[in-house]
Each structure stands twice: as structure tokens, then as C-alpha cells.
All heavy atoms as atom14 arrays in JSON, in Angstrom:
{
  "sequence": "RALVQGVDIWLNNPERPREASGTSGMKAALNGIPNLSIRDGWWDEG",
  "atom14_mask": [
    [1, 1, 1, 1, 1, 1, 1, 1, 1, 1, 1, 0, 0, 0],
    [1, 1, 1, 1, 1, 0, 0, 0, 0, 0, 0, 0, 0, 0],
    [1, 1, 1, 1, 1, 1, 1, 1, 0, 0, 0, 0, 0, 0],
    [1, 1, 1, 1, 1, 1, 1, 0, 0, 0, 0, 0, 0, 0],
    [1, 1, 1, 1, 1, 1, 1, 1, 1, 0, 0, 0, 0, 0],
    [1, 1, 1, 1, 0, 0, 0, 0, 0, 0, 0, 0, 0, 0],
    [1, 1, 1, 1, 1, 1, 1, 0, 0, 0, 0, 0, 0, 0],
    [1, 1, 1, 1, 1, 1, 1, 1, 0, 0, 0, 0, 0, 0],
    [1, 1, 1, 1, 1, 1, 1, 1, 0, 0, 0, 0, 0, 0],
    [1, 1, 1, 1, 1, 1, 1, 1, 1, 1, 1, 1, 1, 1],
    [1, 1, 1, 1, 1, 1, 1, 1, 0, 0, 0, 0, 0, 0],
    [1, 1, 1, 1, 1, 1, 1, 1, 0, 0, 0, 0, 0, 0],
    [1, 1, 1, 1, 1, 1, 1, 1, 0, 0, 0, 0, 0, 0],
    [1, 1, 1, 1, 1, 1, 1, 0, 0, 0, 0, 0, 0, 0],
    [1, 1, 1, 1, 1, 1, 1, 1, 1, 0, 0, 0, 0, 0],
    [1, 1, 1, 1, 1, 1, 1, 1, 1, 1, 1, 0, 0, 0],
    [1, 1, 1, 1, 1, 1, 1, 0, 0, 0, 0, 0, 0, 0],
    [1, 1, 1, 1, 1, 1, 1, 1, 1, 1, 1, 0, 0, 0],
    [1, 1, 1, 1, 1, 1, 1, 1, 1, 0, 0, 0, 0, 0],
    [1, 1, 1, 1, 1, 0, 0, 0, 0, 0, 0, 0, 0, 0],
    [1, 1, 1, 1, 1, 1, 0, 0, 0, 0, 0, 0, 0, 0],
    [1, 1, 1, 1, 0, 0, 0, 0, 0, 0, 0, 0, 0, 0],
    [1, 1, 1, 1, 1, 1, 1, 0, 0, 0, 0, 0, 0, 0],
    [1, 1, 1, 1, 1, 1, 0, 0, 0, 0, 0, 0, 0, 0],
    [1, 1, 1, 1, 0, 0, 0, 0, 0, 0, 0, 0, 0, 0],
    [1, 1, 1, 1, 1, 1, 1, 1, 0, 0, 0, 0, 0, 0],
    [1, 1, 1, 1, 1, 1, 1, 1, 1, 0, 0, 0, 0, 0],
    [1, 1, 1, 1, 1, 0, 0, 0, 0, 0, 0, 0, 0, 0],
    [1, 1, 1, 1, 1, 0, 0, 0, 0, 0, 0, 0, 0, 0],
    [1, 1, 1, 1, 1, 1, 1, 1, 0, 0, 0, 0, 0, 0],
    [1, 1, 1, 1, 1, 1, 1, 1, 0, 0, 0, 0, 0, 0],
    [1, 1, 1, 1, 0, 0, 0, 0, 0, 0, 0, 0, 0, 0],
    [1, 1, 1, 1, 1, 1, 1, 1, 0, 0, 0, 0, 0, 0],
    [1, 1, 1, 1, 1, 1, 1, 0, 0, 0, 0, 0, 0, 0],
    [1, 1, 1, 1, 1, 1, 1, 1, 0, 0, 0, 0, 0, 0],
    [1, 1, 1, 1, 1, 1, 1, 1, 0, 0, 0, 0, 0, 0],
    [1, 1, 1, 1, 1, 1, 0, 0, 0, 0, 0, 0, 0, 0],
    [1, 1, 1, 1, 1, 1, 1, 1, 0, 0, 0, 0, 0, 0],
    [1, 1, 1, 1, 1, 1, 1, 1, 1, 1, 1, 0, 0, 0],
    [1, 1, 1, 1, 1, 1, 1, 1, 0, 0, 0, 0, 0, 0],
    [1, 1, 1, 1, 0, 0, 0, 0, 0, 0, 0, 0, 0, 0],
    [1, 1, 1, 1, 1, 1, 1, 1, 1, 1, 1, 1, 1, 1],
    [1, 1, 1, 1, 1, 1, 1, 1, 1, 1, 1, 1, 1, 1],
    [1, 1, 1, 1, 1, 1, 1, 1, 0, 0, 0, 0, 0, 0],
    [1, 1, 1, 1, 1, 1, 1, 1, 1, 0, 0, 0, 0, 0],
    [1, 1, 1, 1, 0, 0, 0, 0, 0, 0, 0, 0, 0, 0]
  ],
  "atom14_positions": [
    [[97.99, 30.1, 142.43], [96.59, 29.75, 142.66], [95.95, 30.73, 143.65], [94.83, 31.22, 143.43], [96.48, 28.32, 143.17], [95.04, 27.82, 143.28], [94.97, 26.42, 143.84], [95.49, 25.43, 142.93], [96.6, 24.72, 143.12], [97.34, 24.92, 144.19], [96.98, 23.83, 142.23], [0.0, 0.0, 0.0], [0.0, 0.0, 0.0], [0.0, 0.0, 0.0]],
    [[96.65, 31.04, 144.72], [96.12, 31.98, 145.73], [95.9, 33.36, 145.13], [94.91, 34.04, 145.44], [97.06, 32.04, 146.92], [0.0, 0.0, 0.0], [0.0, 0.0, 0.0], [0.0, 0.0, 0.0], [0.0, 0.0, 0.0], [0.0, 0.0, 0.0], [0.0, 0.0, 0.0], [0.0, 0.0, 0.0], [0.0, 0.0, 0.0], [0.0, 0.0, 0.0]],
    [[96.81, 33.79, 144.26], [96.7, 35.12, 143.67], [95.53, 35.22, 142.7], [94.76, 36.19, 142.75], [98.0, 35.48, 142.96], [99.18, 35.83, 143.88], [100.49, 35.79, 143.11], [98.97, 37.21, 144.51], [0.0, 0.0, 0.0], [0.0, 0.0, 0.0], [0.0, 0.0, 0.0], [0.0, 0.0, 0.0], [0.0, 0.0, 0.0], [0.0, 0.0, 0.0]],
    [[95.37, 34.26, 141.81], [94.28, 34.34, 140.83], [92.92, 34.12, 141.49], [91.89, 34.38, 140.87], [94.47, 33.35, 139.66], [95.75, 33.66, 138.89], [94.45, 31.9, 140.12], [0.0, 0.0, 0.0], [0.0, 0.0, 0.0], [0.0, 0.0, 0.0], [0.0, 0.0, 0.0], [0.0, 0.0, 0.0], [0.0, 0.0, 0.0], [0.0, 0.0, 0.0]],
    [[92.91, 33.64, 142.72], [91.66, 33.47, 143.45], [91.36, 34.64, 144.38], [90.2, 34.87, 144.72], [91.71, 32.18, 144.28], [91.78, 30.91, 143.45], [92.02, 29.67, 144.28], [92.13, 29.73, 145.51], [92.12, 28.52, 143.62], [0.0, 0.0, 0.0], [0.0, 0.0, 0.0], [0.0, 0.0, 0.0], [0.0, 0.0, 0.0], [0.0, 0.0, 0.0]],
    [[92.38, 35.4, 144.8], [92.19, 36.34, 145.9], [92.4, 37.8, 145.64], [91.99, 38.63, 146.46], [0.0, 0.0, 0.0], [0.0, 0.0, 0.0], [0.0, 0.0, 0.0], [0.0, 0.0, 0.0], [0.0, 0.0, 0.0], [0.0, 0.0, 0.0], [0.0, 0.0, 0.0], [0.0, 0.0, 0.0], [0.0, 0.0, 0.0], [0.0, 0.0, 0.0]],
    [[93.05, 38.19, 144.53], [93.16, 39.62, 144.26], [91.83, 40.15, 143.75], [90.9, 39.37, 143.49], [94.29, 39.91, 143.25], [95.64, 39.45, 143.79], [94.01, 39.26, 141.9], [0.0, 0.0, 0.0], [0.0, 0.0, 0.0], [0.0, 0.0, 0.0], [0.0, 0.0, 0.0], [0.0, 0.0, 0.0], [0.0, 0.0, 0.0], [0.0, 0.0, 0.0]],
    [[91.72, 41.46, 143.59], [90.47, 42.03, 143.09], [90.45, 42.13, 141.58], [89.38, 41.98, 140.95], [90.25, 43.43, 143.68], [89.96, 43.39, 145.17], [89.08, 42.61, 145.58], [90.62, 44.13, 145.93], [0.0, 0.0, 0.0], [0.0, 0.0, 0.0], [0.0, 0.0, 0.0], [0.0, 0.0, 0.0], [0.0, 0.0, 0.0], [0.0, 0.0, 0.0]],
    [[91.6, 42.41, 140.98], [91.65, 42.59, 139.53], [93.01, 42.13, 139.03], [94.01, 42.21, 139.76], [91.38, 44.07, 139.16], [91.14, 44.21, 137.66], [92.49, 44.99, 139.65], [90.5, 45.54, 137.28], [0.0, 0.0, 0.0], [0.0, 0.0, 0.0], [0.0, 0.0, 0.0], [0.0, 0.0, 0.0], [0.0, 0.0, 0.0], [0.0, 0.0, 0.0]],
    [[93.04, 41.63, 137.81], [94.26, 41.03, 137.24], [94.8, 41.93, 136.14], [94.12, 42.2, 135.16], [93.95, 39.65, 136.69], [95.17, 38.82, 136.49], [95.77, 38.52, 135.3], [95.95, 38.18, 137.51], [96.9, 37.75, 135.52], [97.02, 37.52, 136.87], [95.84, 38.11, 138.9], [97.97, 36.79, 137.57], [96.79, 37.38, 139.6], [97.84, 36.74, 138.94]],
    [[96.04, 42.38, 136.32], [96.67, 43.3, 135.38], [97.58, 42.55, 134.42], [98.39, 41.72, 134.83], [97.49, 44.35, 136.15], [98.3, 45.34, 135.31], [97.39, 46.2, 134.43], [99.15, 46.23, 136.22], [0.0, 0.0, 0.0], [0.0, 0.0, 0.0], [0.0, 0.0, 0.0], [0.0, 0.0, 0.0], [0.0, 0.0, 0.0], [0.0, 0.0, 0.0]],
    [[97.45, 42.88, 133.13], [98.32, 42.29, 132.11], [98.6, 43.36, 131.07], [97.68, 43.92, 130.48], [97.66, 41.07, 131.46], [98.6, 40.32, 130.53], [99.8, 40.25, 130.77], [98.07, 39.76, 129.46], [0.0, 0.0, 0.0], [0.0, 0.0, 0.0], [0.0, 0.0, 0.0], [0.0, 0.0, 0.0], [0.0, 0.0, 0.0], [0.0, 0.0, 0.0]],
    [[99.89, 43.66, 130.85], [100.2, 44.75, 129.92], [101.41, 44.46, 129.02], [102.4, 45.17, 129.01], [100.43, 46.07, 130.67], [101.24, 45.93, 131.94], [100.8, 46.35, 133.02], [102.43, 45.37, 131.85], [0.0, 0.0, 0.0], [0.0, 0.0, 0.0], [0.0, 0.0, 0.0], [0.0, 0.0, 0.0], [0.0, 0.0, 0.0], [0.0, 0.0, 0.0]],
    [[101.32, 43.38, 128.23], [102.42, 43.06, 127.31], [102.5, 44.04, 126.16], [101.58, 44.83, 125.93], [102.05, 41.66, 126.82], [100.55, 41.67, 126.84], [100.18, 42.45, 128.07], [0.0, 0.0, 0.0], [0.0, 0.0, 0.0], [0.0, 0.0, 0.0], [0.0, 0.0, 0.0], [0.0, 0.0, 0.0], [0.0, 0.0, 0.0], [0.0, 0.0, 0.0]],
    [[103.61, 43.97, 125.43], [103.75, 44.75, 124.2], [102.95, 44.05, 123.1], [103.35, 43.01, 122.6], [105.22, 44.84, 123.78], [106.11, 45.59, 124.74], [107.56, 45.55, 124.32], [107.86, 44.97, 123.24], [108.4, 46.08, 125.05], [0.0, 0.0, 0.0], [0.0, 0.0, 0.0], [0.0, 0.0, 0.0], [0.0, 0.0, 0.0], [0.0, 0.0, 0.0]],
    [[101.82, 44.62, 122.75], [101.01, 44.02, 121.7], [101.76, 44.07, 120.37], [102.35, 45.09, 120.06], [99.68, 44.77, 121.6], [98.63, 44.09, 120.73], [97.37, 44.95, 120.71], [96.25, 44.24, 120.15], [95.93, 44.19, 118.84], [96.67, 44.84, 117.96], [94.87, 43.53, 118.43], [0.0, 0.0, 0.0], [0.0, 0.0, 0.0], [0.0, 0.0, 0.0]],
    [[101.77, 43.0, 119.58], [101.07, 41.72, 119.72], [102.04, 40.58, 120.07], [102.01, 39.53, 119.42], [100.48, 41.53, 118.34], [101.57, 42.07, 117.42], [102.29, 43.15, 118.19], [0.0, 0.0, 0.0], [0.0, 0.0, 0.0], [0.0, 0.0, 0.0], [0.0, 0.0, 0.0], [0.0, 0.0, 0.0], [0.0, 0.0, 0.0], [0.0, 0.0, 0.0]],
    [[102.86, 40.74, 121.09], [103.89, 39.75, 121.39], [103.41, 38.67, 122.37], [104.08, 37.66, 122.55], [105.13, 40.44, 121.94], [105.7, 41.47, 120.98], [106.99, 42.06, 121.46], [108.09, 41.11, 121.33], [109.28, 41.28, 121.89], [109.51, 42.35, 122.65], [110.23, 40.38, 121.73], [0.0, 0.0, 0.0], [0.0, 0.0, 0.0], [0.0, 0.0, 0.0]],
    [[102.26, 38.87, 123.02], [101.71, 37.86, 123.92], [100.88, 36.89, 123.08], [99.78, 37.22, 122.65], [100.83, 38.52, 124.98], [100.26, 37.56, 126.01], [101.28, 37.21, 127.08], [102.08, 36.28, 126.85], [101.29, 37.86, 128.13], [0.0, 0.0, 0.0], [0.0, 0.0, 0.0], [0.0, 0.0, 0.0], [0.0, 0.0, 0.0], [0.0, 0.0, 0.0]],
    [[101.41, 35.7, 122.86], [100.71, 34.75, 121.99], [99.33, 34.42, 122.53], [98.34, 34.43, 121.79], [101.53, 33.49, 121.83], [0.0, 0.0, 0.0], [0.0, 0.0, 0.0], [0.0, 0.0, 0.0], [0.0, 0.0, 0.0], [0.0, 0.0, 0.0], [0.0, 0.0, 0.0], [0.0, 0.0, 0.0], [0.0, 0.0, 0.0], [0.0, 0.0, 0.0]],
    [[99.24, 34.12, 123.82], [97.94, 33.82, 124.41], [97.85, 34.38, 125.81], [97.13, 35.33, 126.08], [97.69, 32.3, 124.43], [96.46, 32.03, 125.06], [0.0, 0.0, 0.0], [0.0, 0.0, 0.0], [0.0, 0.0, 0.0], [0.0, 0.0, 0.0], [0.0, 0.0, 0.0], [0.0, 0.0, 0.0], [0.0, 0.0, 0.0], [0.0, 0.0, 0.0]],
    [[98.65, 33.82, 126.75], [98.51, 34.19, 128.15], [97.42, 33.36, 128.78], [96.34, 33.19, 128.19], [0.0, 0.0, 0.0], [0.0, 0.0, 0.0], [0.0, 0.0, 0.0], [0.0, 0.0, 0.0], [0.0, 0.0, 0.0], [0.0, 0.0, 0.0], [0.0, 0.0, 0.0], [0.0, 0.0, 0.0], [0.0, 0.0, 0.0], [0.0, 0.0, 0.0]],
    [[97.69, 32.8, 129.94], [96.66, 31.98, 130.61], [96.37, 32.44, 132.03], [95.34, 32.05, 132.59], [97.07, 30.5, 130.63], [98.35, 30.37, 131.26], [97.12, 29.91, 129.23], [0.0, 0.0, 0.0], [0.0, 0.0, 0.0], [0.0, 0.0, 0.0], [0.0, 0.0, 0.0], [0.0, 0.0, 0.0], [0.0, 0.0, 0.0], [0.0, 0.0, 0.0]],
    [[97.24, 33.24, 132.63], [96.98, 33.64, 134.01], [95.67, 34.41, 134.12], [94.91, 34.23, 135.09], [98.14, 34.49, 134.55], [98.27, 35.71, 133.83], [0.0, 0.0, 0.0], [0.0, 0.0, 0.0], [0.0, 0.0, 0.0], [0.0, 0.0, 0.0], [0.0, 0.0, 0.0], [0.0, 0.0, 0.0], [0.0, 0.0, 0.0], [0.0, 0.0, 0.0]],
    [[95.38, 35.24, 133.12], [94.12, 35.99, 133.16], [92.9, 35.1, 133.04], [91.83, 35.41, 133.58], [0.0, 0.0, 0.0], [0.0, 0.0, 0.0], [0.0, 0.0, 0.0], [0.0, 0.0, 0.0], [0.0, 0.0, 0.0], [0.0, 0.0, 0.0], [0.0, 0.0, 0.0], [0.0, 0.0, 0.0], [0.0, 0.0, 0.0], [0.0, 0.0, 0.0]],
    [[93.04, 33.96, 132.34], [91.94, 33.0, 132.26], [91.66, 32.41, 133.64], [90.49, 32.2, 134.02], [92.29, 31.88, 131.29], [92.58, 32.3, 129.87], [93.11, 30.85, 128.89], [93.66, 31.63, 127.38], [0.0, 0.0, 0.0], [0.0, 0.0, 0.0], [0.0, 0.0, 0.0], [0.0, 0.0, 0.0], [0.0, 0.0, 0.0], [0.0, 0.0, 0.0]],
    [[92.72, 32.12, 134.38], [92.58, 31.54, 135.71], [91.92, 32.52, 136.66], [91.09, 32.13, 137.5], [93.96, 31.13, 136.24], [94.66, 30.09, 135.39], [96.15, 30.02, 135.67], [96.86, 29.13, 134.66], [98.34, 29.2, 134.78], [0.0, 0.0, 0.0], [0.0, 0.0, 0.0], [0.0, 0.0, 0.0], [0.0, 0.0, 0.0], [0.0, 0.0, 0.0]],
    [[92.27, 33.79, 136.52], [91.63, 34.81, 137.34], [90.15, 34.94, 136.98], [89.29, 35.02, 137.85], [92.35, 36.15, 137.17], [0.0, 0.0, 0.0], [0.0, 0.0, 0.0], [0.0, 0.0, 0.0], [0.0, 0.0, 0.0], [0.0, 0.0, 0.0], [0.0, 0.0, 0.0], [0.0, 0.0, 0.0], [0.0, 0.0, 0.0], [0.0, 0.0, 0.0]],
    [[89.87, 34.96, 135.68], [88.5, 35.19, 135.21], [87.53, 34.16, 135.73], [86.4, 34.48, 136.11], [88.49, 35.21, 133.68], [0.0, 0.0, 0.0], [0.0, 0.0, 0.0], [0.0, 0.0, 0.0], [0.0, 0.0, 0.0], [0.0, 0.0, 0.0], [0.0, 0.0, 0.0], [0.0, 0.0, 0.0], [0.0, 0.0, 0.0], [0.0, 0.0, 0.0]],
    [[87.93, 32.89, 135.76], [87.0, 31.86, 136.21], [86.73, 31.96, 137.7], [85.77, 31.37, 138.21], [87.48, 30.47, 135.8], [88.72, 29.87, 136.45], [88.37, 29.11, 137.72], [89.42, 28.93, 135.47], [0.0, 0.0, 0.0], [0.0, 0.0, 0.0], [0.0, 0.0, 0.0], [0.0, 0.0, 0.0], [0.0, 0.0, 0.0], [0.0, 0.0, 0.0]],
    [[87.58, 32.71, 138.42], [87.34, 32.98, 139.84], [86.61, 34.3, 140.07], [86.51, 34.77, 141.2], [88.67, 32.98, 140.59], [89.19, 31.59, 140.85], [88.65, 30.83, 141.64], [90.25, 31.21, 140.12], [0.0, 0.0, 0.0], [0.0, 0.0, 0.0], [0.0, 0.0, 0.0], [0.0, 0.0, 0.0], [0.0, 0.0, 0.0], [0.0, 0.0, 0.0]],
    [[86.12, 34.89, 138.98], [85.39, 36.14, 139.11], [86.3, 37.34, 139.29], [85.83, 38.4, 139.7], [0.0, 0.0, 0.0], [0.0, 0.0, 0.0], [0.0, 0.0, 0.0], [0.0, 0.0, 0.0], [0.0, 0.0, 0.0], [0.0, 0.0, 0.0], [0.0, 0.0, 0.0], [0.0, 0.0, 0.0], [0.0, 0.0, 0.0], [0.0, 0.0, 0.0]],
    [[87.58, 37.19, 138.99], [88.52, 38.3, 139.1], [88.57, 38.98, 137.73], [89.09, 38.39, 136.77], [89.93, 37.81, 139.5], [89.87, 36.91, 140.72], [90.87, 38.98, 139.69], [89.23, 37.53, 141.93], [0.0, 0.0, 0.0], [0.0, 0.0, 0.0], [0.0, 0.0, 0.0], [0.0, 0.0, 0.0], [0.0, 0.0, 0.0], [0.0, 0.0, 0.0]],
    [[88.07, 40.19, 137.6], [88.07, 40.84, 136.29], [89.49, 41.1, 135.8], [90.42, 41.32, 136.58], [87.34, 42.17, 136.55], [86.56, 41.96, 137.8], [87.38, 41.01, 138.63], [0.0, 0.0, 0.0], [0.0, 0.0, 0.0], [0.0, 0.0, 0.0], [0.0, 0.0, 0.0], [0.0, 0.0, 0.0], [0.0, 0.0, 0.0], [0.0, 0.0, 0.0]],
    [[89.65, 41.06, 134.48], [90.92, 41.39, 133.85], [90.99, 42.86, 133.49], [90.0, 43.45, 133.04], [91.12, 40.55, 132.59], [91.67, 39.18, 132.87], [92.87, 38.94, 132.77], [90.79, 38.25, 133.26], [0.0, 0.0, 0.0], [0.0, 0.0, 0.0], [0.0, 0.0, 0.0], [0.0, 0.0, 0.0], [0.0, 0.0, 0.0], [0.0, 0.0, 0.0]],
    [[92.16, 43.42, 133.7], [92.5, 44.78, 133.23], [93.7, 44.59, 132.33], [94.82, 44.44, 132.8], [92.83, 45.67, 134.43], [93.41, 47.06, 134.14], [92.45, 47.9, 133.31], [93.75, 47.77, 135.45], [0.0, 0.0, 0.0], [0.0, 0.0, 0.0], [0.0, 0.0, 0.0], [0.0, 0.0, 0.0], [0.0, 0.0, 0.0], [0.0, 0.0, 0.0]],
    [[93.47, 44.55, 131.02], [94.5, 44.01, 130.15], [94.57, 44.71, 128.79], [93.57, 45.17, 128.26], [94.26, 42.51, 129.91], [95.23, 41.96, 129.05], [0.0, 0.0, 0.0], [0.0, 0.0, 0.0], [0.0, 0.0, 0.0], [0.0, 0.0, 0.0], [0.0, 0.0, 0.0], [0.0, 0.0, 0.0], [0.0, 0.0, 0.0], [0.0, 0.0, 0.0]],
    [[95.8, 44.75, 128.27], [96.02, 45.07, 126.87], [95.25, 44.04, 126.02], [95.19, 42.86, 126.38], [97.53, 44.97, 126.54], [98.32, 46.02, 127.33], [97.76, 45.06, 125.04], [98.21, 47.41, 126.8], [0.0, 0.0, 0.0], [0.0, 0.0, 0.0], [0.0, 0.0, 0.0], [0.0, 0.0, 0.0], [0.0, 0.0, 0.0], [0.0, 0.0, 0.0]],
    [[94.71, 44.49, 124.91], [93.99, 43.55, 124.03], [94.98, 42.75, 123.2], [95.14, 42.97, 121.99], [92.99, 44.3, 123.15], [91.81, 44.84, 123.96], [90.66, 45.25, 123.09], [90.1, 44.09, 122.38], [88.88, 44.09, 121.84], [88.12, 45.17, 121.91], [88.45, 43.04, 121.21], [0.0, 0.0, 0.0], [0.0, 0.0, 0.0], [0.0, 0.0, 0.0]],
    [[95.66, 41.85, 123.86], [96.64, 40.99, 123.23], [96.32, 39.55, 123.59], [95.63, 39.28, 124.58], [98.05, 41.36, 123.7], [99.14, 40.86, 122.77], [98.8, 40.34, 121.69], [100.33, 40.98, 123.12], [0.0, 0.0, 0.0], [0.0, 0.0, 0.0], [0.0, 0.0, 0.0], [0.0, 0.0, 0.0], [0.0, 0.0, 0.0], [0.0, 0.0, 0.0]],
    [[96.83, 38.6, 122.79], [96.61, 37.2, 123.1], [95.14, 36.87, 123.25], [94.29, 37.32, 122.47], [0.0, 0.0, 0.0], [0.0, 0.0, 0.0], [0.0, 0.0, 0.0], [0.0, 0.0, 0.0], [0.0, 0.0, 0.0], [0.0, 0.0, 0.0], [0.0, 0.0, 0.0], [0.0, 0.0, 0.0], [0.0, 0.0, 0.0], [0.0, 0.0, 0.0]],
    [[94.83, 36.11, 124.27], [93.45, 35.63, 124.47], [92.47, 36.76, 124.76], [91.3, 36.68, 124.39], [93.42, 34.62, 125.62], [93.44, 35.29, 126.98], [94.52, 35.83, 127.61], [92.33, 35.49, 127.85], [94.15, 36.35, 128.83], [92.8, 36.15, 129.01], [90.97, 35.16, 127.79], [91.98, 36.51, 130.07], [90.14, 35.5, 128.86], [90.66, 36.17, 129.98]],
    [[92.94, 37.84, 125.41], [92.01, 38.91, 125.82], [91.44, 39.66, 124.62], [90.36, 40.25, 124.7], [92.72, 39.86, 126.77], [91.84, 40.85, 127.47], [91.98, 42.2, 127.49], [90.68, 40.58, 128.3], [90.99, 42.79, 128.25], [90.18, 41.81, 128.76], [90.03, 39.41, 128.68], [89.06, 41.91, 129.58], [88.91, 39.5, 129.5], [88.44, 40.74, 129.94]],
    [[92.15, 39.63, 123.5], [91.64, 40.29, 122.31], [90.33, 39.68, 121.86], [89.48, 40.36, 121.3], [92.68, 40.2, 121.18], [92.32, 41.06, 119.99], [92.17, 42.29, 120.17], [92.18, 40.52, 118.88], [0.0, 0.0, 0.0], [0.0, 0.0, 0.0], [0.0, 0.0, 0.0], [0.0, 0.0, 0.0], [0.0, 0.0, 0.0], [0.0, 0.0, 0.0]],
    [[90.15, 38.39, 122.09], [88.89, 37.74, 121.73], [87.97, 37.53, 122.93], [86.76, 37.35, 122.78], [89.15, 36.39, 121.04], [89.88, 35.38, 121.89], [90.51, 34.26, 121.08], [91.65, 34.42, 120.62], [89.85, 33.22, 120.93], [0.0, 0.0, 0.0], [0.0, 0.0, 0.0], [0.0, 0.0, 0.0], [0.0, 0.0, 0.0], [0.0, 0.0, 0.0]],
    [[88.53, 37.56, 124.15], [87.72, 37.32, 125.33], [86.96, 38.54, 125.82], [85.85, 38.43, 126.35], [0.0, 0.0, 0.0], [0.0, 0.0, 0.0], [0.0, 0.0, 0.0], [0.0, 0.0, 0.0], [0.0, 0.0, 0.0], [0.0, 0.0, 0.0], [0.0, 0.0, 0.0], [0.0, 0.0, 0.0], [0.0, 0.0, 0.0], [0.0, 0.0, 0.0]]
  ]
}
């Protein structure tokens, strides 16, 4: 919780397309923490 609220940017780099969804980036996003991510899982549509 502290990390998704307090870092500046959230990194996610799975081997596409093996990340079914991923939720940590969603938690960061709602706190205004931008995602820096492979277009896999949820980020492909987000």
C-alpha cells in the first residue's frame, strides 16, 4: 500500500502475453502514480 501510494512511477515488464491481468498497476494508477509498462494484461486496454 505504501509503495503504490508513494513512488513516482510504477514499472511492470512481464513477457507479453503471459501477464493475464496484473493489479498492482491499477492500485498505483488510482493514486496518481503513472504506469510505465509493457502492453500486457490490463495495461493493453488501459
